[in-house]
Structure formats: C-alpha cells, structure tokens
Amino acid sequence: MCWELFKVFFRIGAFTIGGGLAMLPVIEREVVERKKWLTKEVFTDILAVTQTMPGVIAVNMAVAVGYKVRGTKGSLVSVLGAVCAPFFSILALAIFFQNFRDNPVVERIFMGMRPVVVALIAVPVITTMRSIGLTYATGLIALAATILIWLLGVSPVWVILVAGLGGYIWYRIETNRKRRRGL
C-alpha cells in the first residue's frame, strides 16, 4: 500500500502544472474515484482542514491522505512522492532557465499557461462547492469572504476565525431551537 501511495503522489507531483491548488482535482480523482481510499465526504473534510493549515496545500493533502490510508508511514511516503518530482523539476529549471528566461518564445509559453492554471485552481473550488451542498446563503458567505480578502485586504486568518465563530454560534442557536421544539 505504501508503494501505491508513493506512486500516486509522485505521478500527481510530476504531471500537475500550477501548484498545490491545481493538484487538488487530480488528488481527488485518484484517491476518491480511482483508488477509493477515501469517500467524497472524507476528502472534502480533509481539504477543509488542510486549507486552513500553514504550508503547501499539496504537502498538507499528501500528509492527511497518507495518514488516513496508512498512518504515519503513509504520510511520509505520500509526502516524499508528492515533493520528489517537483523538487527535481525546479532544480533543473533553476539550472537551465537562466539561459532562456529572456527568450520571447519561453515568455509566450508561460503567458499561454497562465489562464490554464487559473482554470486548474477554479476546478477544486467548484467541485468543493458542489460536494458540500453550497446554498445561496453559504454562497453569500463565500462571496463576502472573497470581497473581504481580495478587495478590502482583510487577512484570511481573520475571515476564517470569524467564519468559524459564526458557524459555532449558528450551530448553538439551531441546537437550542431544536431542543425547545422537542426534536
């Protein structure tokens, strides 16, 4: 099983362009749909937790998925698989890119890749929204968080803390309401 974890995360790390967020739909496809190591609900929960943690999202996901599948050893193997290929790719780029960075063809290639990377980042957002059953009310919360962070420059940490506190308060209100009704 550890070898399978390594292979899956190595392949994801080697062939996903665009960083950790772009890896999320590929990780989901591999561990939920193909390998069936996790359910969609567990994957969504892990995704929510790993996005609130400091560090690289792909590494956080590798740690969480590896741990869920095979414990501490699975975490280590998954992380090693996830970071090996990108590490060597970046090393090779750093060595050889100096000679090509001012080349107009290389500049155009990178300009062409930017919109694709944006799409790769949008896919897990949309997938997660669908899987958690986003309603209009929660959609408005997501929109408000986006505006606060993007346009008003509020730290994401404060937005997450306030949203978590709001969720807790809402839970307490609903629990008390149900208790009063005898449900």
C-alpha atoms as a PDB file:
ATOM      1  CA  MET A   1       0.000   0.000   0.000  1.00  0.00           C
ATOM      2  CA  CYS A   2       2.850   2.423   0.762  1.00  0.00           C
ATOM      3  CA  TRP A   3       4.318   1.872  -2.693  1.00  0.00           C
ATOM      4  CA  GLU A   4       0.899   2.700  -4.186  1.00  0.00           C
ATOM      5  CA  LEU A   5       0.722   5.908  -2.133  1.00  0.00           C
ATOM      6  CA  PHE A   6       4.176   6.916  -3.310  1.00  0.00           C
ATOM      7  CA  LYS A   7       3.348   6.201  -6.974  1.00  0.00           C
ATOM      8  CA  VAL A   8       0.068   8.106  -6.882  1.00  0.00           C
ATOM      9  CA  PHE A   9       1.560  11.199  -5.267  1.00  0.00           C
ATOM     10  CA  PHE A  10       4.721  11.042  -7.381  1.00  0.00           C
ATOM     11  CA  ARG A  11       2.618  10.953 -10.541  1.00  0.00           C
ATOM     12  CA  ILE A  12       0.483  13.839  -9.277  1.00  0.00           C
ATOM     13  CA  GLY A  13       3.565  15.869  -8.374  1.00  0.00           C
ATOM     14  CA  ALA A  14       5.271  15.109 -11.681  1.00  0.00           C
ATOM     15  CA  PHE A  15       2.438  15.851 -14.070  1.00  0.00           C
ATOM     16  CA  THR A  16       0.381  18.616 -12.459  1.00  0.00           C
ATOM     17  CA  ILE A  17       1.256  22.139 -13.527  1.00  0.00           C
ATOM     18  CA  GLY A  18       0.123  25.061 -11.419  1.00  0.00           C
ATOM     19  CA  GLY A  19       0.963  24.202  -7.846  1.00  0.00           C
ATOM     20  CA  GLY A  20      -0.971  22.689  -4.986  1.00  0.00           C
ATOM     21  CA  LEU A  21      -4.404  24.051  -5.825  1.00  0.00           C
ATOM     22  CA  ALA A  22      -4.123  22.706  -9.342  1.00  0.00           C
ATOM     23  CA  MET A  23      -3.284  19.295  -7.856  1.00  0.00           C
ATOM     24  CA  LEU A  24      -6.498  19.077  -5.832  1.00  0.00           C
ATOM     25  CA  PRO A  25      -8.801  17.771  -8.582  1.00  0.00           C
ATOM     26  CA  VAL A  26      -6.146  15.237  -9.584  1.00  0.00           C
ATOM     27  CA  ILE A  27      -5.666  14.107  -5.979  1.00  0.00           C
ATOM     28  CA  GLU A  28      -9.437  13.819  -5.589  1.00  0.00           C
ATOM     29  CA  ARG A  29      -9.783  11.783  -8.770  1.00  0.00           C
ATOM     30  CA  GLU A  30      -7.003   9.416  -7.696  1.00  0.00           C
ATOM     31  CA  VAL A  31      -7.840   8.846  -4.032  1.00  0.00           C
ATOM     32  CA  VAL A  32     -11.654   9.067  -4.196  1.00  0.00           C
ATOM     33  CA  GLU A  33     -12.690   7.857  -7.649  1.00  0.00           C
ATOM     34  CA  ARG A  34      -9.898   5.560  -8.840  1.00  0.00           C
ATOM     35  CA  LYS A  35      -8.335   4.080  -5.703  1.00  0.00           C
ATOM     36  CA  LYS A  36     -11.402   4.530  -3.457  1.00  0.00           C
ATOM     37  CA  TRP A  37      -9.162   5.125  -0.457  1.00  0.00           C
ATOM     38  CA  LEU A  38     -11.447   7.917   0.780  1.00  0.00           C
ATOM     39  CA  THR A  39     -15.086   8.858   0.395  1.00  0.00           C
ATOM     40  CA  LYS A  40     -16.011  12.201  -1.152  1.00  0.00           C
ATOM     41  CA  GLU A  41     -17.144  13.451   2.269  1.00  0.00           C
ATOM     42  CA  VAL A  42     -13.875  12.499   3.992  1.00  0.00           C
ATOM     43  CA  PHE A  43     -11.874  14.065   1.155  1.00  0.00           C
ATOM     44  CA  THR A  44     -13.873  17.297   1.491  1.00  0.00           C
ATOM     45  CA  ASP A  45     -13.280  17.349   5.251  1.00  0.00           C
ATOM     46  CA  ILE A  46      -9.553  16.769   4.768  1.00  0.00           C
ATOM     47  CA  LEU A  47      -9.481  19.509   2.140  1.00  0.00           C
ATOM     48  CA  ALA A  48     -11.166  21.969   4.506  1.00  0.00           C
ATOM     49  CA  VAL A  49      -8.688  21.213   7.277  1.00  0.00           C
ATOM     50  CA  THR A  50      -5.582  21.262   5.082  1.00  0.00           C
ATOM     51  CA  GLN A  51      -6.529  24.602   3.551  1.00  0.00           C
ATOM     52  CA  THR A  52      -6.610  26.214   6.975  1.00  0.00           C
ATOM     53  CA  MET A  53      -3.175  24.860   7.916  1.00  0.00           C
ATOM     54  CA  PRO A  54       0.059  26.686   7.185  1.00  0.00           C
ATOM     55  CA  GLY A  55       2.259  25.239   4.487  1.00  0.00           C
ATOM     56  CA  VAL A  56       1.973  23.933   0.977  1.00  0.00           C
ATOM     57  CA  ILE A  57      -1.515  22.565   0.241  1.00  0.00           C
ATOM     58  CA  ALA A  58      -0.222  19.623  -1.809  1.00  0.00           C
ATOM     59  CA  VAL A  59       2.068  18.544   1.021  1.00  0.00           C
ATOM     60  CA  ASN A  60      -0.697  19.004   3.587  1.00  0.00           C
ATOM     61  CA  MET A  61      -3.034  16.882   1.461  1.00  0.00           C
ATOM     62  CA  ALA A  62      -0.348  14.211   0.999  1.00  0.00           C
ATOM     63  CA  VAL A  63       0.187  14.087   4.770  1.00  0.00           C
ATOM     64  CA  ALA A  64      -3.534  13.837   5.523  1.00  0.00           C
ATOM     65  CA  VAL A  65      -4.388  11.311   2.813  1.00  0.00           C
ATOM     66  CA  GLY A  66      -1.318   9.204   3.561  1.00  0.00           C
ATOM     67  CA  TYR A  67      -2.126   9.199   7.267  1.00  0.00           C
ATOM     68  CA  LYS A  68      -5.758   8.281   6.649  1.00  0.00           C
ATOM     69  CA  VAL A  69      -4.760   5.400   4.367  1.00  0.00           C
ATOM     70  CA  ARG A  70      -1.644   4.019   6.097  1.00  0.00           C
ATOM     71  CA  GLY A  71      -0.840   6.028   9.251  1.00  0.00           C
ATOM     72  CA  THR A  72       2.442   7.831   9.867  1.00  0.00           C
ATOM     73  CA  LYS A  73       4.355   5.710   7.367  1.00  0.00           C
ATOM     74  CA  GLY A  74       1.730   6.520   4.721  1.00  0.00           C
ATOM     75  CA  SER A  75       2.118  10.237   5.437  1.00  0.00           C
ATOM     76  CA  LEU A  76       5.874  10.123   4.993  1.00  0.00           C
ATOM     77  CA  VAL A  77       5.698   8.080   1.796  1.00  0.00           C
ATOM     78  CA  SER A  78       2.962  10.297   0.318  1.00  0.00           C
ATOM     79  CA  VAL A  79       4.894  13.486   1.035  1.00  0.00           C
ATOM     80  CA  LEU A  80       8.062  12.020  -0.421  1.00  0.00           C
ATOM     81  CA  GLY A  81       6.144  11.068  -3.569  1.00  0.00           C
ATOM     82  CA  ALA A  82       4.474  14.475  -3.819  1.00  0.00           C
ATOM     83  CA  VAL A  83       7.676  16.521  -3.494  1.00  0.00           C
ATOM     84  CA  CYS A  84      10.281  14.426  -5.331  1.00  0.00           C
ATOM     85  CA  ALA A  85       9.307  15.216  -8.922  1.00  0.00           C
ATOM     86  CA  PRO A  86       8.633  18.953  -8.364  1.00  0.00           C
ATOM     87  CA  PHE A  87      11.899  19.305  -6.443  1.00  0.00           C
ATOM     88  CA  PHE A  88      13.974  17.873  -9.268  1.00  0.00           C
ATOM     89  CA  SER A  89      11.973  19.796 -11.879  1.00  0.00           C
ATOM     90  CA  ILE A  90      12.590  23.082 -10.071  1.00  0.00           C
ATOM     91  CA  LEU A  91      16.252  22.222  -9.649  1.00  0.00           C
ATOM     92  CA  ALA A  92      16.600  21.559 -13.386  1.00  0.00           C
ATOM     93  CA  LEU A  93      14.696  24.743 -14.237  1.00  0.00           C
ATOM     94  CA  ALA A  94      16.878  26.803 -11.909  1.00  0.00           C
ATOM     95  CA  ILE A  95      19.996  25.449 -13.556  1.00  0.00           C
ATOM     96  CA  PHE A  96      18.885  25.872 -17.174  1.00  0.00           C
ATOM     97  CA  PHE A  97      16.310  28.684 -17.047  1.00  0.00           C
ATOM     98  CA  GLN A  98      18.944  31.404 -16.663  1.00  0.00           C
ATOM     99  CA  ASN A  99      19.829  30.910 -20.327  1.00  0.00           C
ATOM    100  CA  PHE A 100      16.229  31.053 -21.573  1.00  0.00           C
ATOM    101  CA  ARG A 101      14.323  33.456 -19.325  1.00  0.00           C
ATOM    102  CA  ASP A 102      14.594  36.404 -21.731  1.00  0.00           C
ATOM    103  CA  ASN A 103      13.668  34.293 -24.750  1.00  0.00           C
ATOM    104  CA  PRO A 104      10.404  35.625 -26.298  1.00  0.00           C
ATOM    105  CA  VAL A 105       9.190  32.101 -27.114  1.00  0.00           C
ATOM    106  CA  VAL A 106       9.586  30.993 -23.491  1.00  0.00           C
ATOM    107  CA  GLU A 107       7.809  34.160 -22.307  1.00  0.00           C
ATOM    108  CA  ARG A 108       4.868  33.425 -24.650  1.00  0.00           C
ATOM    109  CA  ILE A 109       4.672  29.830 -23.455  1.00  0.00           C
ATOM    110  CA  PHE A 110       4.350  30.985 -19.853  1.00  0.00           C
ATOM    111  CA  MET A 111       1.802  33.634 -20.832  1.00  0.00           C
ATOM    112  CA  GLY A 112      -0.276  30.914 -22.502  1.00  0.00           C
ATOM    113  CA  MET A 113      -0.113  28.701 -19.434  1.00  0.00           C
ATOM    114  CA  ARG A 114      -1.460  31.324 -17.002  1.00  0.00           C
ATOM    115  CA  PRO A 115      -5.167  31.038 -17.929  1.00  0.00           C
ATOM    116  CA  VAL A 116      -4.951  27.251 -17.750  1.00  0.00           C
ATOM    117  CA  VAL A 117      -3.500  27.462 -14.246  1.00  0.00           C
ATOM    118  CA  VAL A 118      -6.405  29.716 -13.218  1.00  0.00           C
ATOM    119  CA  ALA A 119      -8.832  27.102 -14.551  1.00  0.00           C
ATOM    120  CA  LEU A 120      -6.978  24.346 -12.689  1.00  0.00           C
ATOM    121  CA  ILE A 121      -7.383  26.325  -9.481  1.00  0.00           C
ATOM    122  CA  ALA A 122     -11.084  27.025 -10.158  1.00  0.00           C
ATOM    123  CA  VAL A 123     -11.969  23.338 -10.615  1.00  0.00           C
ATOM    124  CA  PRO A 124     -11.427  22.274  -6.964  1.00  0.00           C
ATOM    125  CA  VAL A 125     -13.296  25.352  -5.774  1.00  0.00           C
ATOM    126  CA  ILE A 126     -16.337  24.487  -7.880  1.00  0.00           C
ATOM    127  CA  THR A 127     -16.094  20.774  -7.031  1.00  0.00           C
ATOM    128  CA  THR A 128     -15.890  21.511  -3.317  1.00  0.00           C
ATOM    129  CA  MET A 129     -18.816  23.916  -3.517  1.00  0.00           C
ATOM    130  CA  ARG A 130     -20.951  21.216  -5.130  1.00  0.00           C
ATOM    131  CA  SER A 131     -19.865  18.461  -2.750  1.00  0.00           C
ATOM    132  CA  ILE A 132     -20.692  20.443   0.406  1.00  0.00           C
ATOM    133  CA  GLY A 133     -24.122  21.391  -0.908  1.00  0.00           C
ATOM    134  CA  LEU A 134     -23.498  25.119  -1.083  1.00  0.00           C
ATOM    135  CA  THR A 135     -26.748  27.054  -0.707  1.00  0.00           C
ATOM    136  CA  TYR A 136     -27.425  30.665  -1.650  1.00  0.00           C
ATOM    137  CA  ALA A 137     -26.808  31.707   1.961  1.00  0.00           C
ATOM    138  CA  THR A 138     -23.457  29.925   2.181  1.00  0.00           C
ATOM    139  CA  GLY A 139     -22.661  31.208  -1.312  1.00  0.00           C
ATOM    140  CA  LEU A 140     -23.149  34.731   0.005  1.00  0.00           C
ATOM    141  CA  ILE A 141     -20.777  33.954   2.869  1.00  0.00           C
ATOM    142  CA  ALA A 142     -18.193  32.739   0.352  1.00  0.00           C
ATOM    143  CA  LEU A 143     -18.724  35.872  -1.740  1.00  0.00           C
ATOM    144  CA  ALA A 144     -18.388  38.113   1.334  1.00  0.00           C
ATOM    145  CA  ALA A 145     -15.166  36.323   2.323  1.00  0.00           C
ATOM    146  CA  THR A 146     -13.809  36.787  -1.193  1.00  0.00           C
ATOM    147  CA  ILE A 147     -14.592  40.506  -1.157  1.00  0.00           C
ATOM    148  CA  LEU A 148     -13.098  40.957   2.307  1.00  0.00           C
ATOM    149  CA  ILE A 149      -9.859  39.225   1.352  1.00  0.00           C
ATOM    150  CA  TRP A 150      -9.439  40.315  -2.263  1.00  0.00           C
ATOM    151  CA  LEU A 151     -10.847  43.830  -2.411  1.00  0.00           C
ATOM    152  CA  LEU A 152     -10.567  45.040   1.179  1.00  0.00           C
ATOM    153  CA  GLY A 153      -7.293  43.310   2.054  1.00  0.00           C
ATOM    154  CA  VAL A 154      -8.566  41.623   5.240  1.00  0.00           C
ATOM    155  CA  SER A 155      -6.295  38.815   6.382  1.00  0.00           C
ATOM    156  CA  PRO A 156      -7.662  35.345   5.517  1.00  0.00           C
ATOM    157  CA  VAL A 157      -6.851  34.318   9.080  1.00  0.00           C
ATOM    158  CA  TRP A 158      -9.423  36.784  10.453  1.00  0.00           C
ATOM    159  CA  VAL A 159     -12.001  35.734   7.875  1.00  0.00           C
ATOM    160  CA  ILE A 160     -11.547  32.052   8.786  1.00  0.00           C
ATOM    161  CA  LEU A 161     -11.685  32.760  12.528  1.00  0.00           C
ATOM    162  CA  VAL A 162     -14.831  34.891  12.227  1.00  0.00           C
ATOM    163  CA  ALA A 163     -16.484  32.337   9.925  1.00  0.00           C
ATOM    164  CA  GLY A 164     -15.648  29.528  12.353  1.00  0.00           C
ATOM    165  CA  LEU A 165     -17.029  31.533  15.273  1.00  0.00           C
ATOM    166  CA  GLY A 166     -20.139  32.361  13.230  1.00  0.00           C
ATOM    167  CA  GLY A 167     -20.613  28.684  12.383  1.00  0.00           C
ATOM    168  CA  TYR A 168     -20.314  27.737  16.043  1.00  0.00           C
ATOM    169  CA  ILE A 169     -22.814  30.400  17.113  1.00  0.00           C
ATOM    170  CA  TRP A 170     -25.234  29.315  14.367  1.00  0.00           C
ATOM    171  CA  TYR A 171     -24.890  25.693  15.489  1.00  0.00           C
ATOM    172  CA  ARG A 172     -25.683  26.657  19.108  1.00  0.00           C
ATOM    173  CA  ILE A 173     -28.720  28.695  18.022  1.00  0.00           C
ATOM    174  CA  GLU A 174     -30.066  25.824  15.888  1.00  0.00           C
ATOM    175  CA  THR A 175     -29.392  23.271  18.642  1.00  0.00           C
ATOM    176  CA  ASN A 176     -31.277  25.376  21.208  1.00  0.00           C
ATOM    177  CA  ARG A 177     -34.130  25.962  18.768  1.00  0.00           C
ATOM    178  CA  LYS A 178     -34.489  22.201  18.134  1.00  0.00           C
ATOM    179  CA  ARG A 179     -34.252  21.446  21.841  1.00  0.00           C
ATOM    180  CA  ARG A 180     -37.077  23.901  22.586  1.00  0.00           C
ATOM    181  CA  ARG A 181     -39.252  22.283  19.921  1.00  0.00           C
ATOM    182  CA  GLY A 182     -38.544  18.859  21.384  1.00  0.00           C
ATOM    183  CA  LEU A 183     -36.853  17.471  18.277  1.00  0.00           C
END
